[in-house]
């Protein structure tokens, strides 16, 4: 049971990293499009935004499932609640 929970926490961490990378890419593309006046690049940013929003919903769902199914306490609860705050 605990092994499964640890695997879910690891997956949550990986999903947060993926979302962070998408955010980083969107910000970099936006800045580059703005500084270079590249409208083609600017048009790609909304697609990333959609991916980020999808990832946010995925992570929220994962966190809620963890809270409901595993009922984490102490450090584990802080990890899950921190993830919920990070995605917003």
C-alpha atoms as a PDB file:
ATOM      1  CA  UNK A   1       0.000   0.000   0.000  1.00  0.00           C
ATOM      2  CA  UNK A   2       2.745   2.423   0.956  1.00  0.00           C
ATOM      3  CA  UNK A   3       4.735   1.520  -2.167  1.00  0.00           C
ATOM      4  CA  UNK A   4       1.758   2.453  -4.344  1.00  0.00           C
ATOM      5  CA  UNK A   5       1.398   5.751  -2.491  1.00  0.00           C
ATOM      6  CA  UNK A   6       5.091   6.525  -2.969  1.00  0.00           C
ATOM      7  CA  UNK A   7       4.738   5.779  -6.679  1.00  0.00           C
ATOM      8  CA  UNK A   8       1.796   8.169  -6.879  1.00  0.00           C
ATOM      9  CA  UNK A   9       3.799  10.888  -5.122  1.00  0.00           C
ATOM     10  CA  UNK A  10       6.672  10.347  -7.559  1.00  0.00           C
ATOM     11  CA  UNK A  11       4.268  10.643 -10.487  1.00  0.00           C
ATOM     12  CA  UNK A  12       2.842  13.823  -8.962  1.00  0.00           C
ATOM     13  CA  UNK A  13       6.360  15.250  -8.717  1.00  0.00           C
ATOM     14  CA  UNK A  14       7.093  14.382 -12.358  1.00  0.00           C
ATOM     15  CA  UNK A  15       3.846  15.997 -13.495  1.00  0.00           C
ATOM     16  CA  UNK A  16       4.700  19.169 -11.561  1.00  0.00           C
ATOM     17  CA  UNK A  17       8.110  19.275 -13.228  1.00  0.00           C
ATOM     18  CA  UNK A  18       6.495  18.801 -16.633  1.00  0.00           C
ATOM     19  CA  UNK A  19       4.044  21.618 -15.963  1.00  0.00           C
ATOM     20  CA  UNK A  20       6.869  23.847 -14.755  1.00  0.00           C
ATOM     21  CA  UNK A  21       8.821  23.167 -17.934  1.00  0.00           C
ATOM     22  CA  UNK A  22       5.778  24.071 -20.036  1.00  0.00           C
ATOM     23  CA  UNK A  23       5.379  27.322 -18.102  1.00  0.00           C
ATOM     24  CA  UNK A  24       9.055  28.113 -18.514  1.00  0.00           C
ATOM     25  CA  UNK A  25       8.827  27.478 -22.259  1.00  0.00           C
ATOM     26  CA  UNK A  26       5.697  29.648 -22.602  1.00  0.00           C
ATOM     27  CA  UNK A  27       7.343  32.541 -20.766  1.00  0.00           C
ATOM     28  CA  UNK A  28      10.531  32.259 -22.823  1.00  0.00           C
ATOM     29  CA  UNK A  29       8.582  32.120 -26.084  1.00  0.00           C
ATOM     30  CA  UNK A  30       6.449  35.093 -25.057  1.00  0.00           C
ATOM     31  CA  UNK A  31       9.481  37.157 -24.141  1.00  0.00           C
ATOM     32  CA  UNK A  32      11.279  36.251 -27.347  1.00  0.00           C
ATOM     33  CA  UNK A  33       8.203  37.000 -29.461  1.00  0.00           C
ATOM     34  CA  UNK A  34       7.823  40.355 -27.743  1.00  0.00           C
ATOM     35  CA  UNK A  35      11.448  41.424 -28.011  1.00  0.00           C
ATOM     36  CA  UNK A  36      11.832  40.273 -31.606  1.00  0.00           C
ATOM     37  CA  UNK A  37       8.345  41.258 -32.739  1.00  0.00           C
ATOM     38  CA  UNK A  38       7.814  37.706 -33.966  1.00  0.00           C
ATOM     39  CA  UNK A  39       4.066  37.265 -34.388  1.00  0.00           C
ATOM     40  CA  UNK A  40       4.394  33.669 -35.618  1.00  0.00           C
ATOM     41  CA  UNK A  41       6.117  32.717 -32.375  1.00  0.00           C
ATOM     42  CA  UNK A  42       3.527  34.629 -30.366  1.00  0.00           C
ATOM     43  CA  UNK A  43       0.765  32.580 -31.993  1.00  0.00           C
ATOM     44  CA  UNK A  44       2.311  29.376 -30.625  1.00  0.00           C
ATOM     45  CA  UNK A  45       2.022  30.499 -27.005  1.00  0.00           C
ATOM     46  CA  UNK A  46      -1.761  29.920 -26.648  1.00  0.00           C
ATOM     47  CA  UNK A  47      -1.252  26.263 -27.575  1.00  0.00           C
ATOM     48  CA  UNK A  48       1.178  25.938 -24.691  1.00  0.00           C
ATOM     49  CA  UNK A  49      -1.310  27.690 -22.446  1.00  0.00           C
ATOM     50  CA  UNK A  50      -3.911  25.048 -23.264  1.00  0.00           C
ATOM     51  CA  UNK A  51      -1.396  22.308 -22.437  1.00  0.00           C
ATOM     52  CA  UNK A  52      -0.585  24.028 -19.141  1.00  0.00           C
ATOM     53  CA  UNK A  53      -4.260  24.278 -18.198  1.00  0.00           C
ATOM     54  CA  UNK A  54      -4.759  20.605 -19.040  1.00  0.00           C
ATOM     55  CA  UNK A  55      -1.767  19.659 -16.905  1.00  0.00           C
ATOM     56  CA  UNK A  56      -3.165  21.797 -14.064  1.00  0.00           C
ATOM     57  CA  UNK A  57      -6.444  19.884 -14.112  1.00  0.00           C
ATOM     58  CA  UNK A  58      -4.581  16.563 -14.247  1.00  0.00           C
ATOM     59  CA  UNK A  59      -2.471  17.461 -11.238  1.00  0.00           C
ATOM     60  CA  UNK A  60      -5.456  18.729  -9.263  1.00  0.00           C
ATOM     61  CA  UNK A  61      -7.261  15.467  -9.951  1.00  0.00           C
ATOM     62  CA  UNK A  62      -4.216  13.470  -8.849  1.00  0.00           C
ATOM     63  CA  UNK A  63      -3.966  15.469  -5.630  1.00  0.00           C
ATOM     64  CA  UNK A  64      -7.629  15.055  -4.798  1.00  0.00           C
ATOM     65  CA  UNK A  65      -7.457  11.313  -5.443  1.00  0.00           C
ATOM     66  CA  UNK A  66      -4.411  11.071  -3.183  1.00  0.00           C
ATOM     67  CA  UNK A  67      -6.183  13.003  -0.445  1.00  0.00           C
ATOM     68  CA  UNK A  68      -9.348  10.935  -0.663  1.00  0.00           C
ATOM     69  CA  UNK A  69      -7.859   7.481  -1.189  1.00  0.00           C
ATOM     70  CA  UNK A  70      -4.666   7.623   0.860  1.00  0.00           C
ATOM     71  CA  UNK A  71      -5.548  10.207   3.522  1.00  0.00           C
ATOM     72  CA  UNK A  72      -1.951  11.398   3.881  1.00  0.00           C
ATOM     73  CA  UNK A  73      -0.668  12.970   7.088  1.00  0.00           C
ATOM     74  CA  UNK A  74       2.315  15.078   8.128  1.00  0.00           C
ATOM     75  CA  UNK A  75       4.949  15.454   5.403  1.00  0.00           C
ATOM     76  CA  UNK A  76       2.927  13.640   2.764  1.00  0.00           C
ATOM     77  CA  UNK A  77      -0.049  15.903   3.362  1.00  0.00           C
ATOM     78  CA  UNK A  78       2.184  18.954   3.037  1.00  0.00           C
ATOM     79  CA  UNK A  79       3.563  17.634  -0.264  1.00  0.00           C
ATOM     80  CA  UNK A  80       0.090  17.121  -1.719  1.00  0.00           C
ATOM     81  CA  UNK A  81      -1.279  20.431  -0.457  1.00  0.00           C
ATOM     82  CA  UNK A  82       1.810  22.253  -1.742  1.00  0.00           C
ATOM     83  CA  UNK A  83       1.286  20.700  -5.168  1.00  0.00           C
ATOM     84  CA  UNK A  84      -2.299  21.965  -5.182  1.00  0.00           C
ATOM     85  CA  UNK A  85      -1.084  25.472  -4.407  1.00  0.00           C
ATOM     86  CA  UNK A  86       1.711  25.361  -6.983  1.00  0.00           C
ATOM     87  CA  UNK A  87      -0.559  24.535  -9.892  1.00  0.00           C
ATOM     88  CA  UNK A  88      -2.766  27.537  -9.273  1.00  0.00           C
END
